[in-house]
């Protein structure tokens, strides 16, 4: 152990993202954690609107101070036509430098689509995108009992806590 750094440096990033569903006449796939959900409209966003990957990007921004969404992702979307949020997350991960992800905890709120049966697949996609082991990703889903617009079925929200160590 380096005597100048007797303890690892642990950092915690917080991210949140939310989008409304598009009206039914506007067709666009609904993407959540990189998976397509065919039983609901897409999410209103310039990109694919993936609230999970966006929340992860924002958690990384809170760790590094580098604006991914509203910054780098806007350029990728508007100049290069890249709307895949996985690409934005890859760019965010490049900004971590010495920090290694220890754990990602995520919670998705929404009445629809029903997510419970696809939690394992979403966790695998998140772990793959973050380049971590599956046991380093926790994911919960809730309807919110109809107490918010998300719980009433108007859109989706994702909260994320990302822990890193250096």
N, C-alpha and C. Protein backbone atom coordinates (compact mmCIF):
# COMPACT_ATOMS: atom_id res chain seq x y z
N UNK A 1 0.84 -1.18 0.00
CA UNK A 1 0.00 0.00 0.00
C UNK A 1 0.88 1.24 0.00
N UNK A 2 0.54 2.21 -0.80
CA UNK A 2 1.25 3.48 -0.88
C UNK A 2 1.02 4.27 0.41
N UNK A 3 2.11 4.59 1.17
CA UNK A 3 1.92 5.32 2.43
C UNK A 3 1.34 6.72 2.23
N UNK A 4 1.52 7.28 1.04
CA UNK A 4 0.94 8.60 0.78
C UNK A 4 -0.57 8.51 0.59
N UNK A 5 -1.04 7.34 0.19
CA UNK A 5 -2.48 7.11 0.02
C UNK A 5 -2.85 5.85 0.78
N UNK A 6 -2.99 5.94 2.12
CA UNK A 6 -3.23 4.72 2.90
C UNK A 6 -4.61 4.09 2.66
N UNK A 7 -5.55 4.87 2.17
CA UNK A 7 -6.89 4.34 1.93
C UNK A 7 -7.29 4.64 0.49
N UNK A 8 -8.07 3.76 -0.10
CA UNK A 8 -8.56 4.06 -1.46
C UNK A 8 -9.50 5.26 -1.42
N UNK A 9 -9.52 5.98 -2.51
CA UNK A 9 -10.43 7.11 -2.63
C UNK A 9 -11.74 6.60 -3.21
N UNK A 10 -12.80 6.72 -2.44
CA UNK A 10 -14.13 6.28 -2.86
C UNK A 10 -14.95 7.52 -3.20
N UNK A 11 -15.61 7.47 -4.33
CA UNK A 11 -16.48 8.58 -4.75
C UNK A 11 -17.86 8.01 -5.08
N UNK A 12 -18.87 8.86 -4.91
CA UNK A 12 -20.24 8.46 -5.20
C UNK A 12 -20.85 9.50 -6.13
N UNK A 13 -21.39 9.02 -7.25
CA UNK A 13 -22.06 9.90 -8.20
C UNK A 13 -23.55 9.64 -8.21
N UNK A 14 -24.33 10.68 -8.38
CA UNK A 14 -25.78 10.59 -8.41
C UNK A 14 -26.27 11.05 -9.78
N UNK A 15 -27.16 10.27 -10.38
CA UNK A 15 -27.74 10.65 -11.67
C UNK A 15 -29.23 10.38 -11.69
N UNK A 16 -29.94 11.20 -12.44
CA UNK A 16 -31.39 11.04 -12.60
C UNK A 16 -31.73 11.42 -14.02
N UNK A 17 -32.68 10.69 -14.61
CA UNK A 17 -33.18 11.07 -15.92
C UNK A 17 -34.64 10.66 -16.03
N UNK A 18 -35.38 11.42 -16.81
CA UNK A 18 -36.80 11.11 -17.03
C UNK A 18 -37.22 11.61 -18.39
N UNK A 19 -38.17 10.89 -18.98
CA UNK A 19 -38.75 11.29 -20.27
C UNK A 19 -40.21 10.87 -20.29
N UNK A 20 -41.01 11.67 -20.98
CA UNK A 20 -42.41 11.31 -21.23
C UNK A 20 -42.49 10.37 -22.43
N UNK A 21 -43.55 9.59 -22.46
CA UNK A 21 -43.80 8.77 -23.65
C UNK A 21 -44.29 9.67 -24.78
N UNK A 22 -43.92 9.31 -26.00
CA UNK A 22 -44.40 10.02 -27.18
C UNK A 22 -45.88 9.72 -27.39
N UNK A 23 -46.60 10.62 -28.06
CA UNK A 23 -47.97 10.28 -28.43
C UNK A 23 -47.97 9.08 -29.38
N UNK A 24 -49.04 8.27 -29.36
CA UNK A 24 -49.06 7.03 -30.16
C UNK A 24 -48.82 7.22 -31.65
N UNK A 25 -49.17 8.39 -32.20
CA UNK A 25 -48.99 8.58 -33.64
C UNK A 25 -47.51 8.78 -34.04
N UNK A 26 -46.65 9.07 -33.08
CA UNK A 26 -45.22 9.19 -33.36
C UNK A 26 -44.56 7.85 -33.04
N UNK A 27 -44.04 7.20 -34.04
CA UNK A 27 -43.48 5.87 -33.82
C UNK A 27 -41.98 5.95 -33.61
N UNK A 28 -41.56 5.32 -32.55
CA UNK A 28 -40.15 5.25 -32.18
C UNK A 28 -40.05 4.14 -31.14
N UNK A 29 -39.02 3.31 -31.21
CA UNK A 29 -38.93 2.23 -30.21
C UNK A 29 -38.69 2.78 -28.81
N UNK A 30 -39.21 2.07 -27.83
CA UNK A 30 -38.95 2.39 -26.43
C UNK A 30 -37.73 1.60 -26.00
N UNK A 31 -36.65 2.30 -25.63
CA UNK A 31 -35.40 1.66 -25.24
C UNK A 31 -35.14 1.92 -23.76
N UNK A 32 -34.95 0.83 -23.01
CA UNK A 32 -34.66 0.93 -21.58
C UNK A 32 -33.50 -0.01 -21.29
N UNK A 33 -32.40 0.55 -20.79
CA UNK A 33 -31.18 -0.23 -20.51
C UNK A 33 -30.71 -0.98 -21.75
N UNK A 34 -30.87 -0.36 -22.90
CA UNK A 34 -30.41 -0.95 -24.15
C UNK A 34 -31.34 -1.99 -24.73
N UNK A 35 -32.47 -2.29 -24.08
CA UNK A 35 -33.44 -3.26 -24.58
C UNK A 35 -34.63 -2.55 -25.19
N UNK A 36 -35.20 -3.14 -26.21
CA UNK A 36 -36.40 -2.57 -26.83
C UNK A 36 -37.64 -3.18 -26.19
N UNK A 37 -38.58 -2.33 -25.84
CA UNK A 37 -39.86 -2.74 -25.28
C UNK A 37 -40.93 -2.35 -26.29
N UNK A 38 -41.53 -3.35 -26.91
CA UNK A 38 -42.45 -3.12 -28.03
C UNK A 38 -43.86 -2.75 -27.59
N UNK A 39 -44.19 -2.94 -26.33
CA UNK A 39 -45.58 -2.75 -25.90
C UNK A 39 -45.91 -1.33 -25.43
N UNK A 40 -44.98 -0.39 -25.60
CA UNK A 40 -45.23 1.01 -25.21
C UNK A 40 -44.61 1.93 -26.25
N UNK A 41 -45.10 3.18 -26.31
CA UNK A 41 -44.48 4.13 -27.24
C UNK A 41 -43.05 4.46 -26.82
N UNK A 42 -42.30 5.03 -27.74
CA UNK A 42 -40.95 5.49 -27.43
C UNK A 42 -40.98 6.68 -26.49
N UNK A 43 -39.80 7.07 -26.02
CA UNK A 43 -39.68 8.19 -25.09
C UNK A 43 -39.28 9.45 -25.83
N UNK A 44 -39.87 10.57 -25.43
CA UNK A 44 -39.62 11.86 -26.08
C UNK A 44 -38.19 12.32 -25.76
N UNK A 45 -37.35 12.33 -26.78
CA UNK A 45 -35.95 12.76 -26.63
C UNK A 45 -35.35 12.85 -28.02
N UNK A 46 -34.29 13.64 -28.16
CA UNK A 46 -33.57 13.68 -29.44
C UNK A 46 -32.89 12.34 -29.70
N UNK A 47 -32.44 11.70 -28.63
CA UNK A 47 -31.79 10.40 -28.73
C UNK A 47 -32.84 9.30 -28.61
N UNK A 48 -32.39 8.09 -28.30
CA UNK A 48 -33.34 6.99 -28.07
C UNK A 48 -34.10 7.16 -26.76
N UNK A 49 -33.66 8.10 -25.90
CA UNK A 49 -34.36 8.40 -24.66
C UNK A 49 -34.17 7.36 -23.57
N UNK A 50 -33.12 6.56 -23.65
CA UNK A 50 -32.88 5.49 -22.67
C UNK A 50 -32.58 6.11 -21.30
N UNK A 51 -33.59 6.14 -20.42
CA UNK A 51 -33.45 6.79 -19.11
C UNK A 51 -32.39 6.13 -18.24
N UNK A 52 -32.15 4.83 -18.42
CA UNK A 52 -31.15 4.14 -17.62
C UNK A 52 -29.75 4.59 -18.01
N UNK A 53 -29.43 4.54 -19.30
CA UNK A 53 -28.10 4.95 -19.74
C UNK A 53 -27.90 6.45 -19.53
N UNK A 54 -28.97 7.24 -19.63
CA UNK A 54 -28.85 8.68 -19.36
C UNK A 54 -28.56 8.93 -17.89
N UNK A 55 -29.25 8.22 -16.99
CA UNK A 55 -29.00 8.39 -15.56
C UNK A 55 -27.56 7.99 -15.22
N UNK A 56 -27.05 6.93 -15.85
CA UNK A 56 -25.66 6.54 -15.65
C UNK A 56 -24.70 7.64 -16.13
N UNK A 57 -24.99 8.23 -17.29
CA UNK A 57 -24.16 9.33 -17.80
C UNK A 57 -24.15 10.49 -16.81
N UNK A 58 -25.31 10.83 -16.26
CA UNK A 58 -25.39 11.94 -15.31
C UNK A 58 -24.67 11.62 -14.01
N UNK A 59 -24.70 10.36 -13.57
CA UNK A 59 -23.95 9.97 -12.37
C UNK A 59 -22.46 10.13 -12.62
N UNK A 60 -22.01 9.78 -13.82
CA UNK A 60 -20.59 9.95 -14.16
C UNK A 60 -20.25 11.43 -14.21
N UNK A 61 -21.14 12.24 -14.77
CA UNK A 61 -20.90 13.69 -14.78
C UNK A 61 -20.78 14.23 -13.36
N UNK A 62 -21.58 13.70 -12.43
CA UNK A 62 -21.48 14.20 -11.06
C UNK A 62 -20.16 13.78 -10.41
N UNK A 63 -19.52 12.74 -10.92
CA UNK A 63 -18.21 12.32 -10.43
C UNK A 63 -17.06 13.11 -11.06
N UNK A 64 -17.20 13.45 -12.34
CA UNK A 64 -16.09 14.04 -13.09
C UNK A 64 -16.25 15.52 -13.39
N UNK A 65 -17.48 15.98 -13.41
CA UNK A 65 -17.74 17.37 -13.80
C UNK A 65 -17.77 17.58 -15.30
N UNK A 66 -17.59 16.52 -16.07
CA UNK A 66 -17.60 16.63 -17.53
C UNK A 66 -19.04 16.45 -18.02
N UNK A 67 -19.61 17.49 -18.68
CA UNK A 67 -21.01 17.38 -19.13
C UNK A 67 -21.15 16.46 -20.34
N UNK A 68 -21.80 15.32 -20.12
CA UNK A 68 -22.00 14.37 -21.21
C UNK A 68 -23.32 14.70 -21.91
N UNK A 69 -24.44 14.57 -21.19
CA UNK A 69 -25.73 14.94 -21.76
C UNK A 69 -25.84 16.46 -21.70
N UNK A 70 -26.24 17.06 -22.79
CA UNK A 70 -26.26 18.51 -22.86
C UNK A 70 -24.92 19.06 -23.32
N UNK A 71 -23.94 18.19 -23.48
CA UNK A 71 -22.62 18.59 -23.94
C UNK A 71 -22.16 17.67 -25.05
N UNK A 72 -21.36 16.68 -24.70
CA UNK A 72 -20.79 15.74 -25.67
C UNK A 72 -21.89 15.00 -26.45
N UNK A 73 -22.92 14.54 -25.74
CA UNK A 73 -24.00 13.78 -26.41
C UNK A 73 -24.76 14.67 -27.39
N UNK A 74 -24.96 15.93 -27.05
CA UNK A 74 -25.66 16.83 -27.99
C UNK A 74 -24.89 16.96 -29.29
N UNK A 75 -23.57 17.08 -29.19
CA UNK A 75 -22.76 17.15 -30.41
C UNK A 75 -22.86 15.86 -31.21
N UNK A 76 -22.79 14.72 -30.53
CA UNK A 76 -22.90 13.43 -31.22
C UNK A 76 -24.26 13.30 -31.91
N UNK A 77 -25.30 13.75 -31.24
CA UNK A 77 -26.66 13.62 -31.77
C UNK A 77 -26.90 14.60 -32.91
N UNK A 78 -26.63 15.88 -32.69
CA UNK A 78 -27.00 16.91 -33.66
C UNK A 78 -26.01 17.05 -34.81
N UNK A 79 -24.72 16.84 -34.55
CA UNK A 79 -23.73 16.97 -35.62
C UNK A 79 -23.52 15.66 -36.37
N UNK A 80 -23.51 14.54 -35.61
CA UNK A 80 -23.16 13.25 -36.21
C UNK A 80 -24.36 12.32 -36.39
N UNK A 81 -25.53 12.69 -35.86
CA UNK A 81 -26.72 11.87 -36.01
C UNK A 81 -26.74 10.61 -35.16
N UNK A 82 -25.88 10.56 -34.13
CA UNK A 82 -25.82 9.38 -33.26
C UNK A 82 -26.86 9.54 -32.16
N UNK A 83 -27.84 8.63 -32.13
CA UNK A 83 -28.91 8.72 -31.13
C UNK A 83 -28.89 7.55 -30.14
N UNK A 84 -27.92 6.67 -30.25
CA UNK A 84 -27.79 5.50 -29.37
C UNK A 84 -27.14 5.92 -28.05
N UNK A 85 -27.90 5.86 -26.97
CA UNK A 85 -27.40 6.30 -25.66
C UNK A 85 -26.24 5.46 -25.16
N UNK A 86 -26.08 4.25 -25.68
CA UNK A 86 -24.91 3.43 -25.29
C UNK A 86 -23.62 4.13 -25.72
N UNK A 87 -23.64 4.82 -26.85
CA UNK A 87 -22.46 5.56 -27.32
C UNK A 87 -22.17 6.70 -26.36
N UNK A 88 -23.20 7.39 -25.88
CA UNK A 88 -23.01 8.48 -24.92
C UNK A 88 -22.38 7.94 -23.64
N UNK A 89 -22.86 6.77 -23.19
CA UNK A 89 -22.31 6.17 -21.98
C UNK A 89 -20.84 5.79 -22.17
N UNK A 90 -20.50 5.29 -23.34
CA UNK A 90 -19.09 4.97 -23.62
C UNK A 90 -18.22 6.22 -23.51
N UNK A 91 -18.70 7.33 -24.04
CA UNK A 91 -17.96 8.60 -23.93
C UNK A 91 -17.84 9.03 -22.47
N UNK A 92 -18.90 8.84 -21.70
CA UNK A 92 -18.87 9.20 -20.27
C UNK A 92 -17.83 8.36 -19.54
N UNK A 93 -17.80 7.08 -19.82
CA UNK A 93 -16.85 6.18 -19.15
C UNK A 93 -15.40 6.59 -19.41
N UNK A 94 -15.14 7.14 -20.58
CA UNK A 94 -13.78 7.59 -20.90
C UNK A 94 -13.32 8.72 -19.98
N UNK A 95 -14.24 9.45 -19.38
CA UNK A 95 -13.88 10.59 -18.52
C UNK A 95 -13.54 10.18 -17.09
N UNK A 96 -13.75 8.92 -16.73
CA UNK A 96 -13.50 8.48 -15.36
C UNK A 96 -12.01 8.44 -15.01
N UNK A 97 -11.14 8.33 -15.99
CA UNK A 97 -9.69 8.27 -15.80
C UNK A 97 -9.29 7.18 -14.82
N UNK A 98 -8.82 7.52 -13.61
CA UNK A 98 -8.32 6.53 -12.65
C UNK A 98 -9.42 5.84 -11.87
N UNK A 99 -10.63 6.35 -11.93
CA UNK A 99 -11.72 5.80 -11.13
C UNK A 99 -12.23 4.50 -11.76
N UNK A 100 -12.43 3.48 -10.91
CA UNK A 100 -13.00 2.21 -11.35
C UNK A 100 -14.38 2.05 -10.71
N UNK A 101 -15.32 1.64 -11.50
CA UNK A 101 -16.68 1.47 -10.97
C UNK A 101 -16.70 0.25 -10.05
N UNK A 102 -17.20 0.47 -8.84
CA UNK A 102 -17.37 -0.60 -7.87
C UNK A 102 -18.80 -1.13 -7.88
N UNK A 103 -19.77 -0.20 -8.02
CA UNK A 103 -21.16 -0.63 -7.96
C UNK A 103 -22.05 0.42 -8.60
N UNK A 104 -23.09 -0.06 -9.27
CA UNK A 104 -24.14 0.81 -9.82
C UNK A 104 -25.47 0.36 -9.22
N UNK A 105 -26.17 1.27 -8.59
CA UNK A 105 -27.50 0.99 -8.04
C UNK A 105 -28.48 1.85 -8.80
N UNK A 106 -29.50 1.22 -9.39
CA UNK A 106 -30.47 1.95 -10.20
C UNK A 106 -31.89 1.61 -9.78
N UNK A 107 -32.78 2.58 -9.92
CA UNK A 107 -34.20 2.36 -9.66
C UNK A 107 -34.99 3.04 -10.76
N UNK A 108 -35.85 2.26 -11.43
CA UNK A 108 -36.69 2.78 -12.50
C UNK A 108 -38.12 2.90 -11.97
N UNK A 109 -38.73 4.07 -12.20
CA UNK A 109 -40.13 4.27 -11.81
C UNK A 109 -40.98 4.47 -13.05
N UNK A 110 -42.05 3.70 -13.14
CA UNK A 110 -43.00 3.85 -14.22
C UNK A 110 -44.09 2.78 -14.13
N UNK A 111 -45.27 3.15 -14.56
CA UNK A 111 -46.38 2.20 -14.56
C UNK A 111 -46.26 1.20 -15.70
N UNK A 112 -45.71 1.65 -16.80
CA UNK A 112 -45.56 0.82 -17.99
C UNK A 112 -44.23 1.10 -18.63
N UNK A 113 -43.65 0.18 -19.34
CA UNK A 113 -44.04 -1.21 -19.49
C UNK A 113 -43.75 -1.99 -18.21
N UNK A 114 -44.27 -3.19 -18.13
CA UNK A 114 -43.97 -4.05 -16.99
C UNK A 114 -42.53 -4.52 -17.14
N UNK A 115 -41.70 -4.20 -16.17
CA UNK A 115 -40.26 -4.42 -16.29
C UNK A 115 -39.74 -5.63 -15.51
N UNK A 116 -40.49 -6.09 -14.54
CA UNK A 116 -40.01 -7.12 -13.61
C UNK A 116 -39.41 -8.33 -14.32
N UNK A 117 -40.05 -8.80 -15.37
CA UNK A 117 -39.58 -10.03 -16.04
C UNK A 117 -38.30 -9.81 -16.84
N UNK A 118 -37.90 -8.55 -17.03
CA UNK A 118 -36.70 -8.28 -17.84
C UNK A 118 -35.56 -7.67 -17.04
N UNK A 119 -35.69 -7.70 -15.70
CA UNK A 119 -34.65 -7.12 -14.85
C UNK A 119 -33.30 -7.79 -15.10
N UNK A 120 -33.26 -9.11 -15.18
CA UNK A 120 -31.99 -9.80 -15.39
C UNK A 120 -31.32 -9.38 -16.70
N UNK A 121 -32.10 -9.28 -17.77
CA UNK A 121 -31.55 -8.85 -19.07
C UNK A 121 -31.06 -7.40 -19.01
N UNK A 122 -31.81 -6.54 -18.31
CA UNK A 122 -31.37 -5.15 -18.17
C UNK A 122 -30.07 -5.08 -17.37
N UNK A 123 -29.98 -5.84 -16.28
CA UNK A 123 -28.76 -5.85 -15.47
C UNK A 123 -27.57 -6.32 -16.30
N UNK A 124 -27.77 -7.35 -17.12
CA UNK A 124 -26.67 -7.84 -17.97
C UNK A 124 -26.22 -6.75 -18.94
N UNK A 125 -27.17 -6.05 -19.56
CA UNK A 125 -26.82 -4.97 -20.49
C UNK A 125 -26.06 -3.84 -19.78
N UNK A 126 -26.52 -3.50 -18.59
CA UNK A 126 -25.85 -2.43 -17.83
C UNK A 126 -24.43 -2.86 -17.46
N UNK A 127 -24.28 -4.08 -16.94
CA UNK A 127 -22.96 -4.58 -16.56
C UNK A 127 -22.02 -4.60 -17.76
N UNK A 128 -22.53 -5.06 -18.89
CA UNK A 128 -21.72 -5.10 -20.11
C UNK A 128 -21.30 -3.69 -20.53
N UNK A 129 -22.24 -2.76 -20.51
CA UNK A 129 -21.93 -1.38 -20.91
C UNK A 129 -20.91 -0.73 -19.97
N UNK A 130 -21.01 -1.04 -18.68
CA UNK A 130 -20.09 -0.46 -17.70
C UNK A 130 -18.78 -1.24 -17.59
N UNK A 131 -18.74 -2.42 -18.22
CA UNK A 131 -17.57 -3.30 -18.16
C UNK A 131 -17.27 -3.73 -16.72
N UNK A 132 -18.34 -4.16 -16.03
CA UNK A 132 -18.22 -4.67 -14.67
C UNK A 132 -18.92 -6.03 -14.58
N UNK A 133 -18.73 -6.70 -13.46
CA UNK A 133 -19.41 -7.98 -13.23
C UNK A 133 -20.88 -7.74 -12.92
N UNK A 134 -21.68 -8.73 -13.19
CA UNK A 134 -23.12 -8.64 -12.97
C UNK A 134 -23.45 -8.32 -11.52
N UNK A 135 -22.68 -8.87 -10.57
CA UNK A 135 -22.97 -8.62 -9.16
C UNK A 135 -22.62 -7.19 -8.72
N UNK A 136 -22.10 -6.39 -9.62
CA UNK A 136 -21.81 -4.99 -9.33
C UNK A 136 -22.93 -4.06 -9.80
N UNK A 137 -24.04 -4.65 -10.25
CA UNK A 137 -25.18 -3.88 -10.73
C UNK A 137 -26.43 -4.30 -9.97
N UNK A 138 -27.06 -3.33 -9.32
CA UNK A 138 -28.34 -3.57 -8.66
C UNK A 138 -29.42 -2.77 -9.37
N UNK A 139 -30.57 -3.37 -9.58
CA UNK A 139 -31.65 -2.69 -10.29
C UNK A 139 -32.98 -3.04 -9.64
N UNK A 140 -33.74 -2.00 -9.32
CA UNK A 140 -35.10 -2.19 -8.82
C UNK A 140 -36.05 -1.44 -9.73
N UNK A 141 -37.30 -1.89 -9.73
CA UNK A 141 -38.33 -1.21 -10.50
C UNK A 141 -39.54 -1.01 -9.60
N UNK A 142 -40.27 0.07 -9.87
CA UNK A 142 -41.46 0.37 -9.08
C UNK A 142 -42.48 1.10 -9.94
N UNK A 143 -43.73 0.91 -9.61
CA UNK A 143 -44.80 1.67 -10.27
C UNK A 143 -45.02 3.00 -9.57
N UNK A 144 -44.49 3.12 -8.36
CA UNK A 144 -44.70 4.35 -7.60
C UNK A 144 -46.13 4.49 -7.10
N UNK A 145 -46.91 3.42 -7.21
CA UNK A 145 -48.30 3.43 -6.73
C UNK A 145 -49.12 4.59 -7.28
N UNK A 146 -48.77 5.06 -8.48
CA UNK A 146 -49.55 6.11 -9.12
C UNK A 146 -49.43 7.48 -8.47
N UNK A 147 -48.38 7.69 -7.68
CA UNK A 147 -48.25 8.97 -6.96
C UNK A 147 -47.57 10.06 -7.78
N UNK A 148 -46.95 9.69 -8.91
CA UNK A 148 -46.28 10.67 -9.76
C UNK A 148 -46.76 10.47 -11.20
N UNK A 149 -46.35 11.38 -12.09
CA UNK A 149 -46.67 11.20 -13.50
C UNK A 149 -46.12 9.88 -14.04
N UNK A 150 -44.96 9.46 -13.52
CA UNK A 150 -44.37 8.19 -13.97
C UNK A 150 -45.23 7.03 -13.50
N UNK A 151 -45.66 7.07 -12.26
CA UNK A 151 -46.51 6.03 -11.71
C UNK A 151 -47.89 5.99 -12.33
N UNK A 152 -48.28 7.11 -12.98
CA UNK A 152 -49.57 7.16 -13.69
C UNK A 152 -49.43 6.70 -15.14
N UNK A 153 -48.20 6.43 -15.59
CA UNK A 153 -48.01 5.90 -16.94
C UNK A 153 -47.66 6.92 -18.00
N UNK A 154 -47.30 8.15 -17.58
CA UNK A 154 -46.98 9.19 -18.56
C UNK A 154 -45.55 9.14 -19.08
N UNK A 155 -44.68 8.43 -18.38
CA UNK A 155 -43.28 8.36 -18.79
C UNK A 155 -42.50 7.48 -17.85
N UNK A 156 -41.18 7.61 -17.90
CA UNK A 156 -40.29 6.82 -17.06
C UNK A 156 -39.25 7.71 -16.40
N UNK A 157 -38.83 7.29 -15.22
CA UNK A 157 -37.76 7.98 -14.50
C UNK A 157 -36.77 6.92 -14.00
N UNK A 158 -35.49 7.28 -14.01
CA UNK A 158 -34.47 6.40 -13.46
C UNK A 158 -33.55 7.20 -12.55
N UNK A 159 -33.31 6.66 -11.37
CA UNK A 159 -32.34 7.22 -10.42
C UNK A 159 -31.15 6.28 -10.37
N UNK A 160 -29.95 6.83 -10.23
CA UNK A 160 -28.74 6.03 -10.24
C UNK A 160 -27.74 6.55 -9.22
N UNK A 161 -27.16 5.62 -8.48
CA UNK A 161 -26.02 5.92 -7.60
C UNK A 161 -24.87 5.06 -8.09
N UNK A 162 -23.77 5.72 -8.40
CA UNK A 162 -22.60 5.03 -8.94
C UNK A 162 -21.44 5.21 -7.95
N UNK A 163 -20.85 4.11 -7.53
CA UNK A 163 -19.73 4.15 -6.59
C UNK A 163 -18.46 3.78 -7.34
N UNK A 164 -17.43 4.60 -7.16
CA UNK A 164 -16.13 4.31 -7.79
C UNK A 164 -15.05 4.29 -6.72
N UNK A 165 -13.94 3.68 -7.06
CA UNK A 165 -12.78 3.65 -6.19
C UNK A 165 -11.54 3.99 -7.02
N UNK A 166 -10.59 4.63 -6.39
CA UNK A 166 -9.35 5.03 -7.07
C UNK A 166 -8.18 4.55 -6.25
